[in-house]
Amino acid sequence: FFRAALRGVKIVSQDELMAGKLKDYLQRHPEIQNCLGTGG
């Protein structure tokens, strides 16, 4: 709805950025990453 109303404005939506940010954080903090369960 926001993108349709504001075609000239870049919409920053958190669902499109947070996964990449968390993945990068875990890669930089192996002490956390190595504690996480990986059973899906």
Full PDB file with SEQRES, HELIX, SHEET, SSBOND, CRYST1, ORIGX, SCALE, CONECT and MASTER records, all heavy atoms in Angstrom:
SEQRES   1 A   40  PHE PHE ARG ALA ALA LEU ARG GLY VAL LYS ILE VAL SER          
SEQRES   2 A   40  GLN ASP GLU LEU MET ALA GLY LYS LEU LYS ASP TYR LEU          
SEQRES   3 A   40  GLN ARG HIS PRO GLU ILE GLN ASN CYS LEU GLY THR GLY          
SEQRES   4 A   40  GLY                                                          
HELIX    1 AA1 PHE A    2  ALA A    5  1                                   4    
HELIX    2 AA2 GLN A   14  GLU A   16  5                                   3    
HELIX    3 AA3 MET A   18  ARG A   28  1                                  11    
HELIX    4 AA4 PRO A   30  GLN A   33  1                                   4    
CRYST1    1.000    1.000    1.000  90.00  90.00  90.00 P 1           1          
ORIGX1      1.000000  0.000000  0.000000        0.00000                         
ORIGX2      0.000000  1.000000  0.000000        0.00000                         
ORIGX3      0.000000  0.000000  1.000000        0.00000                         
SCALE1      1.000000  0.000000  0.000000        0.00000                         
SCALE2      0.000000  1.000000  0.000000        0.00000                         
SCALE3      0.000000  0.000000  1.000000        0.00000                         
ATOM      1  N   PHE A   1       0.836  -1.202   0.000  1.00  0.00           N  
ATOM      2  CA  PHE A   1       0.000   0.000   0.000  1.00  0.00           C  
ATOM      3  C   PHE A   1       0.872   1.254   0.000  1.00  0.00           C  
ATOM      4  O   PHE A   1       0.589   2.226  -0.711  1.00  0.00           O  
ATOM      5  CB  PHE A   1      -0.931   0.019   1.217  1.00  0.00           C  
ATOM      6  CG  PHE A   1      -1.932  -1.105   1.258  1.00  0.00           C  
ATOM      7  CD1 PHE A   1      -2.319  -1.653   2.463  1.00  0.00           C  
ATOM      8  CD2 PHE A   1      -2.488  -1.608   0.092  1.00  0.00           C  
ATOM      9  CE1 PHE A   1      -3.244  -2.685   2.520  1.00  0.00           C  
ATOM     10  CE2 PHE A   1      -3.415  -2.651   0.135  1.00  0.00           C  
ATOM     11  CZ  PHE A   1      -3.792  -3.183   1.355  1.00  0.00           C  
ATOM     12  N   PHE A   2       1.928   1.246   0.809  1.00  0.00           N  
ATOM     13  CA  PHE A   2       2.839   2.394   0.851  1.00  0.00           C  
ATOM     14  C   PHE A   2       3.577   2.538  -0.477  1.00  0.00           C  
ATOM     15  O   PHE A   2       3.748   3.662  -0.977  1.00  0.00           O  
ATOM     16  CB  PHE A   2       3.839   2.228   1.997  1.00  0.00           C  
ATOM     17  CG  PHE A   2       3.278   2.511   3.357  1.00  0.00           C  
ATOM     18  CD1 PHE A   2       2.826   1.472   4.171  1.00  0.00           C  
ATOM     19  CD2 PHE A   2       3.193   3.809   3.831  1.00  0.00           C  
ATOM     20  CE1 PHE A   2       2.301   1.730   5.430  1.00  0.00           C  
ATOM     21  CE2 PHE A   2       2.670   4.082   5.096  1.00  0.00           C  
ATOM     22  CZ  PHE A   2       2.222   3.037   5.892  1.00  0.00           C  
ATOM     23  N   ARG A   3       4.002   1.433  -1.053  1.00  0.00           N  
ATOM     24  CA  ARG A   3       4.737   1.509  -2.322  1.00  0.00           C  
ATOM     25  C   ARG A   3       3.841   2.001  -3.448  1.00  0.00           C  
ATOM     26  O   ARG A   3       4.293   2.740  -4.332  1.00  0.00           O  
ATOM     27  CB  ARG A   3       5.337   0.145  -2.645  1.00  0.00           C  
ATOM     28  CG  ARG A   3       6.563  -0.144  -1.779  1.00  0.00           C  
ATOM     29  CD  ARG A   3       7.283  -1.418  -2.157  1.00  0.00           C  
ATOM     30  NE  ARG A   3       8.572  -1.464  -1.459  1.00  0.00           N  
ATOM     31  CZ  ARG A   3       9.077  -2.527  -0.870  1.00  0.00           C  
ATOM     32  NH1 ARG A   3       8.427  -3.678  -0.905  1.00  0.00           N  
ATOM     33  NH2 ARG A   3      10.253  -2.469  -0.255  1.00  0.00           N  
ATOM     34  N   ALA A   4       2.582   1.628  -3.433  1.00  0.00           N  
ATOM     35  CA  ALA A   4       1.653   2.094  -4.467  1.00  0.00           C  
ATOM     36  C   ALA A   4       1.401   3.590  -4.347  1.00  0.00           C  
ATOM     37  O   ALA A   4       1.242   4.293  -5.353  1.00  0.00           O  
ATOM     38  CB  ALA A   4       0.336   1.327  -4.368  1.00  0.00           C  
ATOM     39  N   ALA A   5       1.388   4.096  -3.109  1.00  0.00           N  
ATOM     40  CA  ALA A   5       1.094   5.515  -2.885  1.00  0.00           C  
ATOM     41  C   ALA A   5       2.331   6.395  -2.998  1.00  0.00           C  
ATOM     42  O   ALA A   5       2.208   7.609  -3.193  1.00  0.00           O  
ATOM     43  CB  ALA A   5       0.476   5.689  -1.494  1.00  0.00           C  
ATOM     44  N   LEU A   6       3.529   5.814  -2.874  1.00  0.00           N  
ATOM     45  CA  LEU A   6       4.773   6.590  -2.850  1.00  0.00           C  
ATOM     46  C   LEU A   6       5.773   5.999  -3.840  1.00  0.00           C  
ATOM     47  O   LEU A   6       6.830   5.492  -3.467  1.00  0.00           O  
ATOM     48  CB  LEU A   6       5.368   6.581  -1.437  1.00  0.00           C  
ATOM     49  CG  LEU A   6       4.554   7.281  -0.352  1.00  0.00           C  
ATOM     50  CD1 LEU A   6       5.057   6.906   1.030  1.00  0.00           C  
ATOM     51  CD2 LEU A   6       4.590   8.795  -0.535  1.00  0.00           C  
ATOM     52  N   ARG A   7       5.448   6.088  -5.102  1.00  0.00           N  
ATOM     53  CA  ARG A   7       6.258   5.431  -6.132  1.00  0.00           C  
ATOM     54  C   ARG A   7       7.664   6.015  -6.249  1.00  0.00           C  
ATOM     55  O   ARG A   7       8.580   5.341  -6.697  1.00  0.00           O  
ATOM     56  CB  ARG A   7       5.535   5.475  -7.475  1.00  0.00           C  
ATOM     57  CG  ARG A   7       4.228   4.690  -7.459  1.00  0.00           C  
ATOM     58  CD  ARG A   7       3.647   4.474  -8.843  1.00  0.00           C  
ATOM     59  NE  ARG A   7       2.404   3.726  -8.778  1.00  0.00           N  
ATOM     60  CZ  ARG A   7       2.328   2.402  -8.728  1.00  0.00           C  
ATOM     61  NH1 ARG A   7       3.443   1.688  -8.723  1.00  0.00           N  
ATOM     62  NH2 ARG A   7       1.162   1.783  -8.671  1.00  0.00           N  
ATOM     63  N   GLY A   8       7.870   7.256  -5.844  1.00  0.00           N  
ATOM     64  CA  GLY A   8       9.194   7.851  -5.947  1.00  0.00           C  
ATOM     65  C   GLY A   8      10.014   7.745  -4.678  1.00  0.00           C  
ATOM     66  O   GLY A   8      11.118   8.291  -4.608  1.00  0.00           O  
ATOM     67  N   VAL A   9       9.491   7.035  -3.691  1.00  0.00           N  
ATOM     68  CA  VAL A   9      10.143   6.943  -2.383  1.00  0.00           C  
ATOM     69  C   VAL A   9      10.596   5.501  -2.149  1.00  0.00           C  
ATOM     70  O   VAL A   9       9.848   4.548  -2.395  1.00  0.00           O  
ATOM     71  CB  VAL A   9       9.184   7.378  -1.260  1.00  0.00           C  
ATOM     72  CG1 VAL A   9       9.850   7.239   0.111  1.00  0.00           C  
ATOM     73  CG2 VAL A   9       8.698   8.806  -1.487  1.00  0.00           C  
ATOM     74  N   LYS A  10      11.842   5.323  -1.659  1.00  0.00           N  
ATOM     75  CA  LYS A  10      12.318   3.987  -1.320  1.00  0.00           C  
ATOM     76  C   LYS A  10      11.697   3.561   0.014  1.00  0.00           C  
ATOM     77  O   LYS A  10      11.878   4.228   1.033  1.00  0.00           O  
ATOM     78  CB  LYS A  10      13.842   3.972  -1.202  1.00  0.00           C  
ATOM     79  CG  LYS A  10      14.397   2.620  -0.770  1.00  0.00           C  
ATOM     80  CD  LYS A  10      15.912   2.667  -0.568  1.00  0.00           C  
ATOM     81  CE  LYS A  10      16.431   1.339  -0.029  1.00  0.00           C  
ATOM     82  NZ  LYS A  10      17.896   1.372   0.215  1.00  0.00           N  
ATOM     83  N   ILE A  11      10.959   2.455  -0.006  1.00  0.00           N  
ATOM     84  CA  ILE A  11      10.323   1.948   1.203  1.00  0.00           C  
ATOM     85  C   ILE A  11      11.257   0.944   1.870  1.00  0.00           C  
ATOM     86  O   ILE A  11      11.643  -0.063   1.271  1.00  0.00           O  
ATOM     87  CB  ILE A  11       8.970   1.276   0.888  1.00  0.00           C  
ATOM     88  CG1 ILE A  11       8.054   2.245   0.123  1.00  0.00           C  
ATOM     89  CG2 ILE A  11       8.307   0.795   2.163  1.00  0.00           C  
ATOM     90  CD1 ILE A  11       7.709   3.514   0.863  1.00  0.00           C  
ATOM     91  N   VAL A  12      11.643   1.230   3.102  1.00  0.00           N  
ATOM     92  CA  VAL A  12      12.544   0.358   3.863  1.00  0.00           C  
ATOM     93  C   VAL A  12      11.683  -0.516   4.772  1.00  0.00           C  
ATOM     94  O   VAL A  12      11.144  -0.054   5.776  1.00  0.00           O  
ATOM     95  CB  VAL A  12      13.551   1.175   4.690  1.00  0.00           C  
ATOM     96  CG1 VAL A  12      14.474   0.251   5.471  1.00  0.00           C  
ATOM     97  CG2 VAL A  12      14.355   2.102   3.778  1.00  0.00           C  
ATOM     98  N   SER A  13      11.564  -1.791   4.387  1.00  0.00           N  
ATOM     99  CA  SER A  13      10.697  -2.732   5.100  1.00  0.00           C  
ATOM    100  C   SER A  13      11.563  -3.768   5.809  1.00  0.00           C  
ATOM    101  O   SER A  13      12.430  -4.399   5.193  1.00  0.00           O  
ATOM    102  CB  SER A  13       9.748  -3.412   4.104  1.00  0.00           C  
ATOM    103  OG  SER A  13       8.795  -4.204   4.769  1.00  0.00           O  
ATOM    104  N   GLN A  14      11.319  -3.959   7.087  1.00  0.00           N  
ATOM    105  CA  GLN A  14      12.242  -4.741   7.912  1.00  0.00           C  
ATOM    106  C   GLN A  14      12.288  -6.220   7.546  1.00  0.00           C  
ATOM    107  O   GLN A  14      13.294  -6.887   7.799  1.00  0.00           O  
ATOM    108  CB  GLN A  14      11.896  -4.543   9.382  1.00  0.00           C  
ATOM    109  CG  GLN A  14      12.252  -3.133   9.837  1.00  0.00           C  
ATOM    110  CD  GLN A  14      11.677  -2.742  11.172  1.00  0.00           C  
ATOM    111  OE1 GLN A  14      10.648  -3.259  11.595  1.00  0.00           O  
ATOM    112  NE2 GLN A  14      12.331  -1.812  11.848  1.00  0.00           N  
ATOM    113  N   ASP A  15      11.260  -6.744   6.930  1.00  0.00           N  
ATOM    114  CA  ASP A  15      11.296  -8.143   6.513  1.00  0.00           C  
ATOM    115  C   ASP A  15      12.300  -8.376   5.391  1.00  0.00           C  
ATOM    116  O   ASP A  15      12.729  -9.506   5.153  1.00  0.00           O  
ATOM    117  CB  ASP A  15       9.907  -8.605   6.063  1.00  0.00           C  
ATOM    118  CG  ASP A  15       9.401  -7.835   4.853  1.00  0.00           C  
ATOM    119  OD1 ASP A  15       9.506  -6.593   4.847  1.00  0.00           O  
ATOM    120  OD2 ASP A  15       8.908  -8.472   3.903  1.00  0.00           O  
ATOM    121  N   GLU A  16      12.706  -7.311   4.715  1.00  0.00           N  
ATOM    122  CA  GLU A  16      13.620  -7.422   3.586  1.00  0.00           C  
ATOM    123  C   GLU A  16      15.085  -7.212   3.974  1.00  0.00           C  
ATOM    124  O   GLU A  16      15.971  -7.384   3.129  1.00  0.00           O  
ATOM    125  CB  GLU A  16      13.224  -6.414   2.498  1.00  0.00           C  
ATOM    126  CG  GLU A  16      11.831  -6.668   1.936  1.00  0.00           C  
ATOM    127  CD  GLU A  16      11.333  -5.553   1.028  1.00  0.00           C  
ATOM    128  OE1 GLU A  16      12.084  -4.565   0.835  1.00  0.00           O  
ATOM    129  OE2 GLU A  16      10.197  -5.655   0.531  1.00  0.00           O  
ATOM    130  N   LEU A  17      15.337  -6.854   5.214  1.00  0.00           N  
ATOM    131  CA  LEU A  17      16.715  -6.562   5.614  1.00  0.00           C  
ATOM    132  C   LEU A  17      17.193  -7.338   6.838  1.00  0.00           C  
ATOM    133  O   LEU A  17      18.387  -7.570   6.995  1.00  0.00           O  
ATOM    134  CB  LEU A  17      16.896  -5.064   5.853  1.00  0.00           C  
ATOM    135  CG  LEU A  17      16.115  -4.428   7.017  1.00  0.00           C  
ATOM    136  CD1 LEU A  17      16.952  -4.380   8.294  1.00  0.00           C  
ATOM    137  CD2 LEU A  17      15.666  -3.014   6.647  1.00  0.00           C  
ATOM    138  N   MET A  18      16.271  -7.751   7.707  1.00  0.00           N  
ATOM    139  CA  MET A  18      16.692  -8.312   8.992  1.00  0.00           C  
ATOM    140  C   MET A  18      17.382  -9.665   8.863  1.00  0.00           C  
ATOM    141  O   MET A  18      18.296  -9.981   9.631  1.00  0.00           O  
ATOM    142  CB  MET A  18      15.497  -8.418   9.941  1.00  0.00           C  
ATOM    143  CG  MET A  18      15.090  -7.082  10.571  1.00  0.00           C  
ATOM    144  SD  MET A  18      16.429  -6.319  11.528  1.00  0.00           S  
ATOM    145  CE  MET A  18      16.776  -7.578  12.757  1.00  0.00           C  
ATOM    146  N   ALA A  19      16.971 -10.493   7.903  1.00  0.00           N  
ATOM    147  CA  ALA A  19      17.593 -11.812   7.770  1.00  0.00           C  
ATOM    148  C   ALA A  19      19.070 -11.692   7.415  1.00  0.00           C  
ATOM    149  O   ALA A  19      19.928 -12.372   7.991  1.00  0.00           O  
ATOM    150  CB  ALA A  19      16.848 -12.644   6.727  1.00  0.00           C  
ATOM    151  N   GLY A  20      19.375 -10.819   6.475  1.00  0.00           N  
ATOM    152  CA  GLY A  20      20.767 -10.605   6.093  1.00  0.00           C  
ATOM    153  C   GLY A  20      21.581 -10.041   7.242  1.00  0.00           C  
ATOM    154  O   GLY A  20      22.752 -10.426   7.438  1.00  0.00           O  
ATOM    155  N   LYS A  21      20.991  -9.139   7.996  1.00  0.00           N  
ATOM    156  CA  LYS A  21      21.693  -8.551   9.140  1.00  0.00           C  
ATOM    157  C   LYS A  21      21.968  -9.598  10.228  1.00  0.00           C  
ATOM    158  O   LYS A  21      23.054  -9.622  10.822  1.00  0.00           O  
ATOM    159  CB  LYS A  21      20.865  -7.403   9.720  1.00  0.00           C  
ATOM    160  CG  LYS A  21      20.739  -6.189   8.817  1.00  0.00           C  
ATOM    161  CD  LYS A  21      22.056  -5.443   8.700  1.00  0.00           C  
ATOM    162  CE  LYS A  21      21.899  -4.132   7.947  1.00  0.00           C  
ATOM    163  NZ  LYS A  21      23.163  -3.376   7.843  1.00  0.00           N  
ATOM    164  N   LEU A  22      20.985 -10.474  10.501  1.00  0.00           N  
ATOM    165  CA  LEU A  22      21.191 -11.502  11.521  1.00  0.00           C  
ATOM    166  C   LEU A  22      22.232 -12.518  11.058  1.00  0.00           C  
ATOM    167  O   LEU A  22      23.101 -12.933  11.838  1.00  0.00           O  
ATOM    168  CB  LEU A  22      19.881 -12.212  11.842  1.00  0.00           C  
ATOM    169  CG  LEU A  22      19.980 -13.351  12.865  1.00  0.00           C  
ATOM    170  CD1 LEU A  22      20.550 -12.857  14.184  1.00  0.00           C  
ATOM    171  CD2 LEU A  22      18.615 -14.003  13.074  1.00  0.00           C  
ATOM    172  N   LYS A  23      22.171 -12.908   9.811  1.00  0.00           N  
ATOM    173  CA  LYS A  23      23.155 -13.860   9.283  1.00  0.00           C  
ATOM    174  C   LYS A  23      24.563 -13.305   9.406  1.00  0.00           C  
ATOM    175  O   LYS A  23      25.496 -14.006   9.838  1.00  0.00           O  
ATOM    176  CB  LYS A  23      22.832 -14.177   7.822  1.00  0.00           C  
ATOM    177  CG  LYS A  23      23.720 -15.237   7.210  1.00  0.00           C  
ATOM    178  CD  LYS A  23      23.285 -15.560   5.783  1.00  0.00           C  
ATOM    179  CE  LYS A  23      24.133 -16.673   5.184  1.00  0.00           C  
ATOM    180  NZ  LYS A  23      23.683 -17.017   3.810  1.00  0.00           N  
ATOM    181  N   ASP A  24      24.730 -12.044   9.077  1.00  0.00           N  
ATOM    182  CA  ASP A  24      26.035 -11.400   9.195  1.00  0.00           C  
ATOM    183  C   ASP A  24      26.488 -11.343  10.658  1.00  0.00           C  
ATOM    184  O   ASP A  24      27.659 -11.592  10.971  1.00  0.00           O  
ATOM    185  CB  ASP A  24      25.963  -9.992   8.605  1.00  0.00           C  
ATOM    186  CG  ASP A  24      27.275  -9.233   8.755  1.00  0.00           C  
ATOM    187  OD1 ASP A  24      28.249  -9.610   8.089  1.00  0.00           O  
ATOM    188  OD2 ASP A  24      27.318  -8.257   9.542  1.00  0.00           O  
ATOM    189  N   TYR A  25      25.561 -11.033  11.564  1.00  0.00           N  
ATOM    190  CA  TYR A  25      25.894 -10.957  12.990  1.00  0.00           C  
ATOM    191  C   TYR A  25      26.381 -12.315  13.502  1.00  0.00           C  
ATOM    192  O   TYR A  25      27.389 -12.397  14.224  1.00  0.00           O  
ATOM    193  CB  TYR A  25      24.669 -10.510  13.793  1.00  0.00           C  
ATOM    194  CG  TYR A  25      24.938 -10.365  15.276  1.00  0.00           C  
ATOM    195  CD1 TYR A  25      25.413  -9.172  15.804  1.00  0.00           C  
ATOM    196  CD2 TYR A  25      24.727 -11.429  16.141  1.00  0.00           C  
ATOM    197  CE1 TYR A  25      25.675  -9.047  17.168  1.00  0.00           C  
ATOM    198  CE2 TYR A  25      24.980 -11.318  17.504  1.00  0.00           C  
ATOM    199  CZ  TYR A  25      25.461 -10.115  18.005  1.00  0.00           C  
ATOM    200  OH  TYR A  25      25.727 -10.003  19.349  1.00  0.00           O  
ATOM    201  N   LEU A  26      25.691 -13.379  13.136  1.00  0.00           N  
ATOM    202  CA  LEU A  26      26.078 -14.709  13.602  1.00  0.00           C  
ATOM    203  C   LEU A  26      27.442 -15.116  13.043  1.00  0.00           C  
ATOM    204  O   LEU A  26      28.243 -15.751  13.745  1.00  0.00           O  
ATOM    205  CB  LEU A  26      25.015 -15.732  13.213  1.00  0.00           C  
ATOM    206  CG  LEU A  26      23.661 -15.587  13.933  1.00  0.00           C  
ATOM    207  CD1 LEU A  26      22.658 -16.597  13.384  1.00  0.00           C  
ATOM    208  CD2 LEU A  26      23.811 -15.739  15.439  1.00  0.00           C  
ATOM    209  N   GLN A  27      27.719 -14.758  11.806  1.00  0.00           N  
ATOM    210  CA  GLN A  27      29.019 -15.071  11.221  1.00  0.00           C  
ATOM    211  C   GLN A  27      30.146 -14.342  11.938  1.00  0.00           C  
ATOM    212  O   GLN A  27      31.263 -14.854  12.041  1.00  0.00           O  
ATOM    213  CB  GLN A  27      29.014 -14.728   9.733  1.00  0.00           C  
ATOM    214  CG  GLN A  27      28.155 -15.667   8.895  1.00  0.00           C  
ATOM    215  CD  GLN A  27      28.013 -15.224   7.458  1.00  0.00           C  
ATOM    216  OE1 GLN A  27      28.289 -14.064   7.111  1.00  0.00           O  
ATOM    217  NE2 GLN A  27      27.567 -16.122   6.591  1.00  0.00           N  
ATOM    218  N   ARG A  28      29.836 -13.139  12.451  1.00  0.00           N  
ATOM    219  CA  ARG A  28      30.846 -12.367  13.172  1.00  0.00           C  
ATOM    220  C   ARG A  28      30.943 -12.751  14.644  1.00  0.00           C  
ATOM    221  O   ARG A  28      31.843 -12.291  15.346  1.00  0.00           O  
ATOM    222  CB  ARG A  28      30.532 -10.871  13.052  1.00  0.00           C  
ATOM    223  CG  ARG A  28      30.772 -10.313  11.649  1.00  0.00           C  
ATOM    224  CD  ARG A  28      30.573  -8.811  11.581  1.00  0.00           C  
ATOM    225  NE  ARG A  28      29.173  -8.396  11.680  1.00  0.00           N  
ATOM    226  CZ  ARG A  28      28.624  -7.823  12.737  1.00  0.00           C  
ATOM    227  NH1 ARG A  28      29.356  -7.579  13.827  1.00  0.00           N  
ATOM    228  NH2 ARG A  28      27.349  -7.472  12.733  1.00  0.00           N  
ATOM    229  N   HIS A  29      29.999 -13.584  15.131  1.00  0.00           N  
ATOM    230  CA  HIS A  29      29.991 -13.992  16.535  1.00  0.00           C  
ATOM    231  C   HIS A  29      29.856 -15.514  16.618  1.00  0.00           C  
ATOM    232  O   HIS A  29      28.808 -16.052  16.999  1.00  0.00           O  
ATOM    233  CB  HIS A  29      28.842 -13.309  17.288  1.00  0.00           C  
ATOM    234  CG  HIS A  29      29.020 -11.835  17.438  1.00  0.00           C  
ATOM    235  ND1 HIS A  29      28.679 -10.944  16.436  1.00  0.00           N  
ATOM    236  CD2 HIS A  29      29.538 -11.089  18.453  1.00  0.00           C  
ATOM    237  CE1 HIS A  29      28.964  -9.707  16.842  1.00  0.00           C  
ATOM    238  NE2 HIS A  29      29.491  -9.775  18.050  1.00  0.00           N  
ATOM    239  N   PRO A  30      30.937 -16.229  16.286  1.00  0.00           N  
ATOM    240  CA  PRO A  30      30.884 -17.698  16.316  1.00  0.00           C  
ATOM    241  C   PRO A  30      30.605 -18.256  17.701  1.00  0.00           C  
ATOM    242  O   PRO A  30      30.120 -19.378  17.833  1.00  0.00           O  
ATOM    243  CB  PRO A  30      32.265 -18.105  15.796  1.00  0.00           C  
ATOM    244  CG  PRO A  30      33.144 -16.908  16.015  1.00  0.00           C  
ATOM    245  CD  PRO A  30      32.252 -15.727  15.836  1.00  0.00           C  
ATOM    246  N   GLU A  31      30.907 -17.489  18.752  1.00  0.00           N  
ATOM    247  CA  GLU A  31      30.633 -17.969  20.101  1.00  0.00           C  
ATOM    248  C   GLU A  31      29.134 -18.133  20.345  1.00  0.00           C  
ATOM    249  O   GLU A  31      28.722 -18.922  21.209  1.00  0.00           O  
ATOM    250  CB  GLU A  31      31.244 -17.016  21.146  1.00  0.00           C  
ATOM    251  CG  GLU A  31      30.528 -15.694  21.349  1.00  0.00           C  
ATOM    252  CD  GLU A  31      30.842 -14.635  20.288  1.00  0.00           C  
ATOM    253  OE1 GLU A  31      31.541 -14.959  19.302  1.00  0.00           O  
ATOM    254  OE2 GLU A  31      30.386 -13.494  20.446  1.00  0.00           O  
ATOM    255  N   ILE A  32      28.321 -17.395  19.592  1.00  0.00           N  
ATOM    256  CA  ILE A  32      26.864 -17.568  19.646  1.00  0.00           C  
ATOM    257  C   ILE A  32      26.422 -18.601  18.619  1.00  0.00           C  
ATOM    258  O   ILE A  32      25.677 -19.530  18.924  1.00  0.00           O  
ATOM    259  CB  ILE A  32      26.152 -16.226  19.381  1.00  0.00           C  
ATOM    260  CG1 ILE A  32      26.509 -15.211  20.467  1.00  0.00           C  
ATOM    261  CG2 ILE A  32      24.632 -16.431  19.323  1.00  0.00           C  
ATOM    262  CD1 ILE A  32      25.989 -13.827  20.195  1.00  0.00           C  
ATOM    263  N   GLN A  33      26.907 -18.445  17.412  1.00  0.00           N  
ATOM    264  CA  GLN A  33      26.513 -19.335  16.317  1.00  0.00           C  
ATOM    265  C   GLN A  33      26.764 -20.798  16.663  1.00  0.00           C  
ATOM    266  O   GLN A  33      25.936 -21.673  16.382  1.00  0.00           O  
ATOM    267  CB  GLN A  33      27.263 -18.949  15.047  1.00  0.00           C  
ATOM    268  CG  GLN A  33      26.821 -19.699  13.797  1.00  0.00           C  
ATOM    269  CD  GLN A  33      27.579 -19.209  12.573  1.00  0.00           C  
ATOM    270  OE1 GLN A  33      28.791 -19.022  12.613  1.00  0.00           O  
ATOM    271  NE2 GLN A  33      26.862 -18.975  11.488  1.00  0.00           N  
ATOM    272  N   ASN A  34      27.891 -21.077  17.317  1.00  0.00           N  
ATOM    273  CA  ASN A  34      28.255 -22.461  17.621  1.00  0.00           C  
ATOM    274  C   ASN A  34      27.402 -23.079  18.723  1.00  0.00           C  
ATOM    275  O   ASN A  34      27.435 -24.301  18.913  1.00  0.00           O  
ATOM    276  CB  ASN A  34      29.736 -22.539  18.006  1.00  0.00           C  
ATOM    277  CG  ASN A  34      30.658 -22.199  16.849  1.00  0.00           C  
ATOM    278  OD1 ASN A  34      30.275 -22.296  15.692  1.00  0.00           O  
ATOM    279  ND2 ASN A  34      31.875 -21.782  17.166  1.00  0.00           N  
ATOM    280  N   CYS A  35      26.650 -22.245  19.435  1.00  0.00           N  
ATOM    281  CA  CYS A  35      25.765 -22.760  20.490  1.00  0.00           C  
ATOM    282  C   CYS A  35      24.369 -23.095  19.975  1.00  0.00           C  
ATOM    283  O   CYS A  35      23.575 -23.714  20.695  1.00  0.00           O  
ATOM    284  CB  CYS A  35      25.631 -21.735  21.617  1.00  0.00           C  
ATOM    285  SG  CYS A  35      27.136 -21.444  22.559  1.00  0.00           S  
ATOM    286  N   LEU A  36      24.052 -22.669  18.766  1.00  0.00           N  
ATOM    287  CA  LEU A  36      22.679 -22.796  18.265  1.00  0.00           C  
ATOM    288  C   LEU A  36      22.398 -24.184  17.728  1.00  0.00           C  
ATOM    289  O   LEU A  36      23.221 -24.779  17.034  1.00  0.00           O  
ATOM    290  CB  LEU A  36      22.435 -21.754  17.167  1.00  0.00           C  
ATOM    291  CG  LEU A  36      22.526 -20.293  17.595  1.00  0.00           C  
ATOM    292  CD1 LEU A  36      22.394 -19.381  16.391  1.00  0.00           C  
ATOM    293  CD2 LEU A  36      21.462 -19.961  18.640  1.00  0.00           C  
ATOM    294  N   GLY A  37      21.189 -24.682  18.058  1.00  0.00           N  
ATOM    295  CA  GLY A  37      20.752 -25.955  17.528  1.00  0.00           C  
ATOM    296  C   GLY A  37      20.517 -25.854  16.031  1.00  0.00           C  
ATOM    297  O   GLY A  37      20.045 -24.827  15.530  1.00  0.00           O  
ATOM    298  N   THR A  38      20.822 -26.919  15.330  1.00  0.00           N  
ATOM    299  CA  THR A  38      20.691 -26.916  13.868  1.00  0.00           C  
ATOM    300  C   THR A  38      19.797 -28.061  13.395  1.00  0.00           C  
ATOM    301  O   THR A  38      20.050 -28.687  12.371  1.00  0.00           O  
ATOM    302  CB  THR A  38      22.074 -27.013  13.197  1.00  0.00           C  
ATOM    303  OG1 THR A  38      22.768 -28.172  13.699  1.00  0.00           O  
ATOM    304  CG2 THR A  38      22.902 -25.776  13.469  1.00  0.00           C  
ATOM    305  N   GLY A  39      18.751 -28.312  14.154  1.00  0.00           N  
ATOM    306  CA  GLY A  39      17.814 -29.368  13.768  1.00  0.00           C  
ATOM    307  C   GLY A  39      16.650 -28.882  12.935  1.00  0.00           C  
ATOM    308  O   GLY A  39      15.792 -29.673  12.535  1.00  0.00           O  
ATOM    309  N   GLY A  40      16.601 -27.566  12.682  1.00  0.00           N  
ATOM    310  CA  GLY A  40      15.486 -27.020  11.916  1.00  0.00           C  
ATOM    311  C   GLY A  40      14.156 -27.176  12.625  1.00  0.00           C  
ATOM    312  O   GLY A  40      13.127 -27.446  12.016  1.00  0.00           O  
TER     313      GLY A  40                                                      
MASTER        0    0    0    4    0    0    0    6  312    1    0    4          
END                                                                             
